[in-house]
Structure formats: C-alpha cells, structure tokens
C-alpha cells in the first residue's frame, strides 16, 4: 500500500485525534471541548453498552442538543473511534532492565486489564490500522519490548499484533462466557455428558472425564481472577513460541 502524498488530506478523525484540525464544522459554537464529548461517550458506553452509544444519547448526557455535537465530531463512527482511543489510555511503564519476555508479558497483561475495564471496547469491530495516539503508543511500547531481540521489524510487528489480538479475543470471551448456556461453569461437565454421543465425540468426552471442564477452585465471587489465570496460561504458551522464534533468529536459521 502506498503512503499518502503530502497534499492528500488525512481522514478527519485522524486529524482530530492528533489536534491537526479544528473540531467539526457544523452546529453552533457551545461551551464544550472534544475531550468532554469523548468522556461523556465513554460514560454512556460503560454504563449502557456500545449499542446505546449515539450522538443523541451523548448529547443528552452532556445536556446539549444533538446538533451541537456536530461541532466536535461528524458522526457516530468518528465518535466511537475517538472515544475508544481515549478509553484505552496510555500503555504502562515496562520493567526497566527486564528481558523481552518480562517486558512483553507486562505489556500484554496491561492491555488485557485495560480491555477488561471497559467491556464495550471489545465489542467495537477493528476497521482500521491503529492511527490514533494512544493506540500507537501501545504499539510503540510493544515493539520497544522486543527492541533488544534479533527479530526484524516486520516480525516484531507480527508478534505484537498477535499478542494484542489474543488479548482482545480473551477479554471479549471473558465478558461473553456463560451468557447463552449456563451461568454456573460447574454445570458444563454434566451437560456435556448428557448431550454428547461417545462414538461421535470421544475426544471431547475424554476431556470431560479428564477434568478439563471442571471448576478450577478459584473464588467464584472473583470472576476476573480466574479469567486472568486463563489469560496468563495462553499468554505463556504464546511467549514460549516467540522464544523459539527469537532463538532461531539468534542462530541465523
């Protein structure tokens, strides 16, 4: 993909995010800032879900008319994209002097926790590259965690994006788990035994009998704890694979 020519205008949402443009062109001038509009959008999405987020709902939250918001953002998609970047915030300070694995693990855990803190962030589809300030700060921090490794730059980006997509997927799964079948995970083994034919699903039933779907003994009142334990398990396996990749690069193979 070719880079935009210098004279090509950047998308308005990108200009707004980076402070390269005045806020919207429609609507009367009122006593708001773009940051206030985005904070109100974050409040609405956090309390009522992404599906409730609209220009009119944010205007009501602020006590302004819907038309007044067009001074700041052009449409709902732009509002959500900018609010998403503001909600995710800045990346953490990574451990000083730690090796790549320690630093990348800290980065991944921080992203997972940020996504878990705002359920609606995992509901919004990924439509563009991370052009926004906080998204790019996260990308820069993730790449920085790998800076001392022999991986080339394309490989570093692939690794960071893989970890990020894993964090997004696990965070979304943690919110949605149990909403359709059963709220109590202890029901799962009994239910599977009742519905599965041993001749058609022998491996799944072997997993059931091996305790793979049994409750793990974590405090049921602290759901976030066992979701984070599950996240760590998968993250460690990904890091194991990345370790192999780095060792191969060190060996020149």
C-alpha atoms as a PDB file:
ATOM      1  CA  UNK A   1       0.000   0.000   0.000  1.00  0.00           C
ATOM      2  CA  UNK A   2       1.441   3.352  -0.998  1.00  0.00           C
ATOM      3  CA  UNK A   3       1.795   6.136   1.536  1.00  0.00           C
ATOM      4  CA  UNK A   4      -0.489   9.157   1.245  1.00  0.00           C
ATOM      5  CA  UNK A   5       1.024  12.015  -0.695  1.00  0.00           C
ATOM      6  CA  UNK A   6       1.813  15.079   1.439  1.00  0.00           C
ATOM      7  CA  UNK A   7      -1.007  17.019  -0.201  1.00  0.00           C
ATOM      8  CA  UNK A   8      -3.594  14.293   0.422  1.00  0.00           C
ATOM      9  CA  UNK A   9      -5.802  15.221   3.387  1.00  0.00           C
ATOM     10  CA  UNK A  10      -5.732  12.916   6.387  1.00  0.00           C
ATOM     11  CA  UNK A  11      -9.074  11.460   7.484  1.00  0.00           C
ATOM     12  CA  UNK A  12     -10.880  13.936   9.706  1.00  0.00           C
ATOM     13  CA  UNK A  13     -10.957  11.565  12.668  1.00  0.00           C
ATOM     14  CA  UNK A  14      -7.157  11.237  12.479  1.00  0.00           C
ATOM     15  CA  UNK A  15      -6.764  14.998  12.268  1.00  0.00           C
ATOM     16  CA  UNK A  16      -8.996  15.453  15.315  1.00  0.00           C
ATOM     17  CA  UNK A  17      -7.180  12.772  17.306  1.00  0.00           C
ATOM     18  CA  UNK A  18      -3.821  14.411  16.706  1.00  0.00           C
ATOM     19  CA  UNK A  19      -5.011  18.000  17.134  1.00  0.00           C
ATOM     20  CA  UNK A  20      -4.320  18.777  13.476  1.00  0.00           C
ATOM     21  CA  UNK A  21      -7.784  20.140  12.785  1.00  0.00           C
ATOM     22  CA  UNK A  22     -10.432  22.243  14.421  1.00  0.00           C
ATOM     23  CA  UNK A  23     -13.393  20.297  15.717  1.00  0.00           C
ATOM     24  CA  UNK A  24     -16.410  19.711  13.486  1.00  0.00           C
ATOM     25  CA  UNK A  25     -17.740  22.219  11.036  1.00  0.00           C
ATOM     26  CA  UNK A  26     -21.462  22.015  11.784  1.00  0.00           C
ATOM     27  CA  UNK A  27     -23.585  23.123  14.689  1.00  0.00           C
ATOM     28  CA  UNK A  28     -23.490  26.232  16.850  1.00  0.00           C
ATOM     29  CA  UNK A  29     -20.491  27.092  18.954  1.00  0.00           C
ATOM     30  CA  UNK A  30     -21.117  25.937  22.521  1.00  0.00           C
ATOM     31  CA  UNK A  31     -19.165  25.614  25.730  1.00  0.00           C
ATOM     32  CA  UNK A  32     -17.734  22.114  25.221  1.00  0.00           C
ATOM     33  CA  UNK A  33     -14.425  20.551  24.316  1.00  0.00           C
ATOM     34  CA  UNK A  34     -13.812  17.431  22.261  1.00  0.00           C
ATOM     35  CA  UNK A  35     -12.414  15.767  25.394  1.00  0.00           C
ATOM     36  CA  UNK A  36     -15.672  16.420  27.272  1.00  0.00           C
ATOM     37  CA  UNK A  37     -17.669  14.894  24.430  1.00  0.00           C
ATOM     38  CA  UNK A  38     -15.454  11.797  24.395  1.00  0.00           C
ATOM     39  CA  UNK A  39     -15.583  11.419  28.166  1.00  0.00           C
ATOM     40  CA  UNK A  40     -19.370  11.540  28.023  1.00  0.00           C
ATOM     41  CA  UNK A  41     -19.343   8.889  25.282  1.00  0.00           C
ATOM     42  CA  UNK A  42     -17.124   6.674  27.465  1.00  0.00           C
ATOM     43  CA  UNK A  43     -19.520   7.091  30.384  1.00  0.00           C
ATOM     44  CA  UNK A  44     -22.542   6.136  28.262  1.00  0.00           C
ATOM     45  CA  UNK A  45     -20.825   3.125  26.699  1.00  0.00           C
ATOM     46  CA  UNK A  46     -19.542   1.946  30.073  1.00  0.00           C
ATOM     47  CA  UNK A  47     -22.930   2.203  31.769  1.00  0.00           C
ATOM     48  CA  UNK A  48     -25.237   1.127  28.947  1.00  0.00           C
ATOM     49  CA  UNK A  49     -23.116  -0.716  26.378  1.00  0.00           C
ATOM     50  CA  UNK A  50     -21.865   0.116  22.914  1.00  0.00           C
ATOM     51  CA  UNK A  51     -25.302  -0.380  21.378  1.00  0.00           C
ATOM     52  CA  UNK A  52     -26.631   2.547  23.444  1.00  0.00           C
ATOM     53  CA  UNK A  53     -23.921   4.926  22.286  1.00  0.00           C
ATOM     54  CA  UNK A  54     -25.260   7.513  19.843  1.00  0.00           C
ATOM     55  CA  UNK A  55     -24.901  11.190  19.110  1.00  0.00           C
ATOM     56  CA  UNK A  56     -28.269  11.903  20.696  1.00  0.00           C
ATOM     57  CA  UNK A  57     -27.516   9.876  23.829  1.00  0.00           C
ATOM     58  CA  UNK A  58     -24.177  11.622  24.365  1.00  0.00           C
ATOM     59  CA  UNK A  59     -25.812  14.998  23.808  1.00  0.00           C
ATOM     60  CA  UNK A  60     -28.386  14.146  26.467  1.00  0.00           C
ATOM     61  CA  UNK A  61     -25.603  13.076  28.822  1.00  0.00           C
ATOM     62  CA  UNK A  62     -23.994  16.472  28.385  1.00  0.00           C
ATOM     63  CA  UNK A  63     -27.220  18.444  28.499  1.00  0.00           C
ATOM     64  CA  UNK A  64     -26.770  19.761  24.962  1.00  0.00           C
ATOM     65  CA  UNK A  65     -28.653  19.318  21.702  1.00  0.00           C
ATOM     66  CA  UNK A  66     -27.634  16.619  19.240  1.00  0.00           C
ATOM     67  CA  UNK A  67     -26.822  19.258  16.617  1.00  0.00           C
ATOM     68  CA  UNK A  68     -24.325  20.867  18.961  1.00  0.00           C
ATOM     69  CA  UNK A  69     -22.162  17.726  18.889  1.00  0.00           C
ATOM     70  CA  UNK A  70     -21.515  18.132  15.179  1.00  0.00           C
ATOM     71  CA  UNK A  71     -19.224  20.996  16.114  1.00  0.00           C
ATOM     72  CA  UNK A  72     -16.925  18.323  17.566  1.00  0.00           C
ATOM     73  CA  UNK A  73     -17.449  15.070  15.651  1.00  0.00           C
ATOM     74  CA  UNK A  74     -19.075  14.355  12.304  1.00  0.00           C
ATOM     75  CA  UNK A  75     -20.878  11.081  13.044  1.00  0.00           C
ATOM     76  CA  UNK A  76     -21.229   8.156  15.446  1.00  0.00           C
ATOM     77  CA  UNK A  77     -18.368   6.143  13.920  1.00  0.00           C
ATOM     78  CA  UNK A  78     -15.981   9.024  14.426  1.00  0.00           C
ATOM     79  CA  UNK A  79     -17.257   9.497  17.972  1.00  0.00           C
ATOM     80  CA  UNK A  80     -16.707   5.824  18.834  1.00  0.00           C
ATOM     81  CA  UNK A  81     -13.251   5.632  17.250  1.00  0.00           C
ATOM     82  CA  UNK A  82     -12.015   8.666  19.149  1.00  0.00           C
ATOM     83  CA  UNK A  83     -13.663   7.544  22.408  1.00  0.00           C
ATOM     84  CA  UNK A  84     -12.082   4.079  22.005  1.00  0.00           C
ATOM     85  CA  UNK A  85      -8.619   5.579  21.774  1.00  0.00           C
ATOM     86  CA  UNK A  86      -9.231   7.839  24.770  1.00  0.00           C
ATOM     87  CA  UNK A  87     -10.655   4.990  26.874  1.00  0.00           C
ATOM     88  CA  UNK A  88      -7.762   2.591  26.272  1.00  0.00           C
ATOM     89  CA  UNK A  89      -5.407   5.217  27.680  1.00  0.00           C
ATOM     90  CA  UNK A  90      -1.627   5.113  27.640  1.00  0.00           C
ATOM     91  CA  UNK A  91       0.454   1.925  27.926  1.00  0.00           C
ATOM     92  CA  UNK A  92       2.246   1.089  31.165  1.00  0.00           C
ATOM     93  CA  UNK A  93       5.845   1.766  32.015  1.00  0.00           C
ATOM     94  CA  UNK A  94       7.533  -1.538  31.244  1.00  0.00           C
ATOM     95  CA  UNK A  95      10.023  -3.101  33.680  1.00  0.00           C
ATOM     96  CA  UNK A  96      13.362  -1.351  33.389  1.00  0.00           C
ATOM     97  CA  UNK A  97      16.150  -3.768  32.635  1.00  0.00           C
ATOM     98  CA  UNK A  98      13.850  -6.714  32.181  1.00  0.00           C
ATOM     99  CA  UNK A  99      14.327  -9.136  29.317  1.00  0.00           C
ATOM    100  CA  UNK A 100      11.994  -9.144  26.316  1.00  0.00           C
ATOM    101  CA  UNK A 101       9.712 -11.766  27.836  1.00  0.00           C
ATOM    102  CA  UNK A 102       9.190  -9.947  31.112  1.00  0.00           C
ATOM    103  CA  UNK A 103       8.520  -6.682  29.286  1.00  0.00           C
ATOM    104  CA  UNK A 104       6.161  -8.169  26.699  1.00  0.00           C
ATOM    105  CA  UNK A 105       4.254 -10.068  29.383  1.00  0.00           C
ATOM    106  CA  UNK A 106       3.763  -6.855  31.372  1.00  0.00           C
ATOM    107  CA  UNK A 107       2.571  -5.118  28.203  1.00  0.00           C
ATOM    108  CA  UNK A 108       0.091  -7.888  27.380  1.00  0.00           C
ATOM    109  CA  UNK A 109      -1.307  -8.063  30.909  1.00  0.00           C
ATOM    110  CA  UNK A 110      -1.812  -4.303  30.938  1.00  0.00           C
ATOM    111  CA  UNK A 111      -3.674  -4.388  27.628  1.00  0.00           C
ATOM    112  CA  UNK A 112      -5.894  -7.244  28.807  1.00  0.00           C
ATOM    113  CA  UNK A 113      -6.741  -5.400  32.024  1.00  0.00           C
ATOM    114  CA  UNK A 114      -7.486  -2.177  30.153  1.00  0.00           C
ATOM    115  CA  UNK A 115      -9.851  -4.030  27.840  1.00  0.00           C
ATOM    116  CA  UNK A 116     -11.491  -5.786  30.794  1.00  0.00           C
ATOM    117  CA  UNK A 117     -12.003  -2.413  32.472  1.00  0.00           C
ATOM    118  CA  UNK A 118     -14.143  -1.233  29.544  1.00  0.00           C
ATOM    119  CA  UNK A 119     -16.368  -4.054  28.299  1.00  0.00           C
ATOM    120  CA  UNK A 120     -17.562  -2.071  25.283  1.00  0.00           C
ATOM    121  CA  UNK A 121     -14.030  -1.778  23.865  1.00  0.00           C
ATOM    122  CA  UNK A 122     -14.128  -5.449  22.877  1.00  0.00           C
ATOM    123  CA  UNK A 123     -17.482  -5.027  21.126  1.00  0.00           C
ATOM    124  CA  UNK A 124     -16.331  -2.494  18.539  1.00  0.00           C
ATOM    125  CA  UNK A 125     -15.067  -4.044  15.278  1.00  0.00           C
ATOM    126  CA  UNK A 126     -11.485  -3.332  14.220  1.00  0.00           C
ATOM    127  CA  UNK A 127     -11.784  -1.418  10.943  1.00  0.00           C
ATOM    128  CA  UNK A 128      -8.526   0.454  10.513  1.00  0.00           C
ATOM    129  CA  UNK A 129      -4.853   0.339  11.359  1.00  0.00           C
ATOM    130  CA  UNK A 130      -4.009   1.957  14.745  1.00  0.00           C
ATOM    131  CA  UNK A 131      -3.758   5.546  13.537  1.00  0.00           C
ATOM    132  CA  UNK A 132      -4.696   7.142  16.857  1.00  0.00           C
ATOM    133  CA  UNK A 133      -2.299   8.468  19.523  1.00  0.00           C
ATOM    134  CA  UNK A 134      -2.907   6.001  22.362  1.00  0.00           C
ATOM    135  CA  UNK A 135      -3.153   3.017  20.024  1.00  0.00           C
ATOM    136  CA  UNK A 136       0.196   3.949  18.527  1.00  0.00           C
ATOM    137  CA  UNK A 137       1.709   4.457  21.983  1.00  0.00           C
ATOM    138  CA  UNK A 138       0.680   0.875  22.823  1.00  0.00           C
ATOM    139  CA  UNK A 139       2.179  -0.365  19.566  1.00  0.00           C
ATOM    140  CA  UNK A 140       5.386   1.560  20.203  1.00  0.00           C
ATOM    141  CA  UNK A 141       5.681   0.139  23.724  1.00  0.00           C
ATOM    142  CA  UNK A 142       5.098  -3.405  22.482  1.00  0.00           C
ATOM    143  CA  UNK A 143       7.722  -3.030  19.780  1.00  0.00           C
ATOM    144  CA  UNK A 144      10.062  -1.487  22.322  1.00  0.00           C
ATOM    145  CA  UNK A 145       9.768  -4.622  24.455  1.00  0.00           C
ATOM    146  CA  UNK A 146      11.321  -6.522  21.548  1.00  0.00           C
ATOM    147  CA  UNK A 147      13.941  -3.920  20.648  1.00  0.00           C
ATOM    148  CA  UNK A 148      16.878  -5.933  22.021  1.00  0.00           C
ATOM    149  CA  UNK A 149      15.921  -9.102  20.156  1.00  0.00           C
ATOM    150  CA  UNK A 150      17.321 -10.095  16.744  1.00  0.00           C
ATOM    151  CA  UNK A 151      13.874 -10.156  15.151  1.00  0.00           C
ATOM    152  CA  UNK A 152      13.499  -7.949  12.093  1.00  0.00           C
ATOM    153  CA  UNK A 153      10.940  -5.141  12.169  1.00  0.00           C
ATOM    154  CA  UNK A 154       8.167  -6.986  10.259  1.00  0.00           C
ATOM    155  CA  UNK A 155       8.485  -9.929  12.659  1.00  0.00           C
ATOM    156  CA  UNK A 156       8.289  -7.611  15.679  1.00  0.00           C
ATOM    157  CA  UNK A 157       5.075  -6.081  14.373  1.00  0.00           C
ATOM    158  CA  UNK A 158       3.618  -9.536  13.726  1.00  0.00           C
ATOM    159  CA  UNK A 159       4.471 -10.649  17.258  1.00  0.00           C
ATOM    160  CA  UNK A 160       2.957  -7.562  18.889  1.00  0.00           C
ATOM    161  CA  UNK A 161      -0.206  -7.746  16.796  1.00  0.00           C
ATOM    162  CA  UNK A 162      -0.584 -11.457  17.585  1.00  0.00           C
ATOM    163  CA  UNK A 163      -0.364 -10.795  21.319  1.00  0.00           C
ATOM    164  CA  UNK A 164      -2.759  -7.846  21.044  1.00  0.00           C
ATOM    165  CA  UNK A 165      -5.354  -9.843  19.113  1.00  0.00           C
ATOM    166  CA  UNK A 166      -5.092 -12.591  21.709  1.00  0.00           C
ATOM    167  CA  UNK A 167      -5.729 -10.046  24.480  1.00  0.00           C
ATOM    168  CA  UNK A 168      -8.744  -8.636  22.632  1.00  0.00           C
ATOM    169  CA  UNK A 169     -10.178 -12.093  21.985  1.00  0.00           C
ATOM    170  CA  UNK A 170      -9.711 -13.311  25.557  1.00  0.00           C
ATOM    171  CA  UNK A 171     -11.134 -10.108  27.014  1.00  0.00           C
ATOM    172  CA  UNK A 172     -14.210 -10.369  24.812  1.00  0.00           C
ATOM    173  CA  UNK A 173     -14.615 -14.060  25.647  1.00  0.00           C
ATOM    174  CA  UNK A 174     -14.351 -13.323  29.368  1.00  0.00           C
ATOM    175  CA  UNK A 175     -17.289 -10.921  29.129  1.00  0.00           C
ATOM    176  CA  UNK A 176     -19.443 -13.172  26.981  1.00  0.00           C
ATOM    177  CA  UNK A 177     -18.740 -16.541  28.632  1.00  0.00           C
ATOM    178  CA  UNK A 178     -21.843 -18.123  30.078  1.00  0.00           C
ATOM    179  CA  UNK A 179     -24.385 -15.733  28.644  1.00  0.00           C
ATOM    180  CA  UNK A 180     -26.081 -18.259  26.372  1.00  0.00           C
ATOM    181  CA  UNK A 181     -25.875 -21.659  28.080  1.00  0.00           C
ATOM    182  CA  UNK A 182     -25.335 -21.669  31.812  1.00  0.00           C
ATOM    183  CA  UNK A 183     -24.201 -19.133  34.354  1.00  0.00           C
ATOM    184  CA  UNK A 184     -22.639 -21.805  36.539  1.00  0.00           C
ATOM    185  CA  UNK A 185     -19.495 -23.350  34.982  1.00  0.00           C
ATOM    186  CA  UNK A 186     -19.945 -26.397  37.241  1.00  0.00           C
ATOM    187  CA  UNK A 187     -22.942 -27.377  35.049  1.00  0.00           C
ATOM    188  CA  UNK A 188     -20.728 -27.870  31.996  1.00  0.00           C
ATOM    189  CA  UNK A 189     -19.413 -31.430  32.596  1.00  0.00           C
ATOM    190  CA  UNK A 190     -22.854 -32.790  33.460  1.00  0.00           C
ATOM    191  CA  UNK A 191     -24.431 -31.108  30.460  1.00  0.00           C
ATOM    192  CA  UNK A 192     -21.794 -32.429  28.069  1.00  0.00           C
ATOM    193  CA  UNK A 193     -22.201 -35.955  29.389  1.00  0.00           C
ATOM    194  CA  UNK A 194     -25.921 -35.724  28.698  1.00  0.00           C
ATOM    195  CA  UNK A 195     -25.758 -34.410  25.125  1.00  0.00           C
ATOM    196  CA  UNK A 196     -22.647 -35.973  23.587  1.00  0.00           C
ATOM    197  CA  UNK A 197     -22.547 -39.339  21.816  1.00  0.00           C
ATOM    198  CA  UNK A 198     -19.321 -41.130  22.868  1.00  0.00           C
ATOM    199  CA  UNK A 199     -18.872 -42.540  19.365  1.00  0.00           C
ATOM    200  CA  UNK A 200     -19.070 -39.136  17.672  1.00  0.00           C
ATOM    201  CA  UNK A 201     -17.314 -37.023  20.316  1.00  0.00           C
ATOM    202  CA  UNK A 202     -14.798 -39.331  22.004  1.00  0.00           C
ATOM    203  CA  UNK A 203     -12.095 -36.693  22.430  1.00  0.00           C
ATOM    204  CA  UNK A 204     -14.405 -34.106  23.954  1.00  0.00           C
ATOM    205  CA  UNK A 205     -15.762 -36.648  26.393  1.00  0.00           C
ATOM    206  CA  UNK A 206     -12.215 -37.724  27.246  1.00  0.00           C
ATOM    207  CA  UNK A 207     -11.518 -34.097  28.114  1.00  0.00           C
ATOM    208  CA  UNK A 208     -14.666 -34.017  30.271  1.00  0.00           C
ATOM    209  CA  UNK A 209     -13.612 -37.145  32.143  1.00  0.00           C
ATOM    210  CA  UNK A 210     -10.101 -35.753  32.496  1.00  0.00           C
ATOM    211  CA  UNK A 211     -11.458 -32.710  34.361  1.00  0.00           C
ATOM    212  CA  UNK A 212     -10.848 -30.152  31.624  1.00  0.00           C
ATOM    213  CA  UNK A 213     -14.237 -28.526  32.202  1.00  0.00           C
ATOM    214  CA  UNK A 214     -14.370 -28.835  35.974  1.00  0.00           C
ATOM    215  CA  UNK A 215     -14.390 -25.682  38.114  1.00  0.00           C
ATOM    216  CA  UNK A 216     -10.800 -24.746  38.906  1.00  0.00           C
ATOM    217  CA  UNK A 217     -11.366 -23.999  42.559  1.00  0.00           C
ATOM    218  CA  UNK A 218     -10.985 -20.235  42.202  1.00  0.00           C
ATOM    219  CA  UNK A 219     -13.149 -17.939  44.264  1.00  0.00           C
ATOM    220  CA  UNK A 220     -16.429 -17.821  42.345  1.00  0.00           C
ATOM    221  CA  UNK A 221     -17.060 -14.306  43.623  1.00  0.00           C
ATOM    222  CA  UNK A 222     -13.940 -13.022  41.858  1.00  0.00           C
ATOM    223  CA  UNK A 223     -14.635 -13.931  38.248  1.00  0.00           C
ATOM    224  CA  UNK A 224     -11.882 -11.628  36.997  1.00  0.00           C
ATOM    225  CA  UNK A 225      -9.251 -13.691  38.844  1.00  0.00           C
ATOM    226  CA  UNK A 226      -9.901 -16.957  37.051  1.00  0.00           C
ATOM    227  CA  UNK A 227     -10.354 -15.212  33.716  1.00  0.00           C
ATOM    228  CA  UNK A 228      -6.930 -13.651  34.245  1.00  0.00           C
ATOM    229  CA  UNK A 229      -5.469 -17.044  35.124  1.00  0.00           C
ATOM    230  CA  UNK A 230      -6.815 -18.435  31.847  1.00  0.00           C
ATOM    231  CA  UNK A 231      -5.376 -15.454  30.004  1.00  0.00           C
ATOM    232  CA  UNK A 232      -1.956 -15.991  31.585  1.00  0.00           C
ATOM    233  CA  UNK A 233      -1.904 -19.650  30.596  1.00  0.00           C
ATOM    234  CA  UNK A 234      -2.454 -18.850  26.913  1.00  0.00           C
ATOM    235  CA  UNK A 235      -0.092 -15.877  27.046  1.00  0.00           C
ATOM    236  CA  UNK A 236       2.700 -18.042  28.443  1.00  0.00           C
ATOM    237  CA  UNK A 237       2.241 -20.520  25.586  1.00  0.00           C
ATOM    238  CA  UNK A 238       2.451 -17.682  23.057  1.00  0.00           C
ATOM    239  CA  UNK A 239       5.585 -16.358  24.728  1.00  0.00           C
ATOM    240  CA  UNK A 240       7.080 -19.856  24.614  1.00  0.00           C
ATOM    241  CA  UNK A 241       6.565 -19.876  20.849  1.00  0.00           C
ATOM    242  CA  UNK A 242       8.033 -16.389  20.476  1.00  0.00           C
ATOM    243  CA  UNK A 243      11.055 -17.566  22.473  1.00  0.00           C
ATOM    244  CA  UNK A 244      11.621 -20.306  19.882  1.00  0.00           C
ATOM    245  CA  UNK A 245      11.329 -17.716  17.098  1.00  0.00           C
ATOM    246  CA  UNK A 246      13.898 -15.458  18.768  1.00  0.00           C
ATOM    247  CA  UNK A 247      16.329 -18.321  19.362  1.00  0.00           C
ATOM    248  CA  UNK A 248      16.125 -19.260  15.697  1.00  0.00           C
ATOM    249  CA  UNK A 249      16.849 -15.658  14.744  1.00  0.00           C
ATOM    250  CA  UNK A 250      19.842 -15.668  17.083  1.00  0.00           C
ATOM    251  CA  UNK A 251      21.125 -18.827  15.416  1.00  0.00           C
ATOM    252  CA  UNK A 252      20.564 -17.307  11.991  1.00  0.00           C
ATOM    253  CA  UNK A 253      18.176 -20.067  10.960  1.00  0.00           C
END
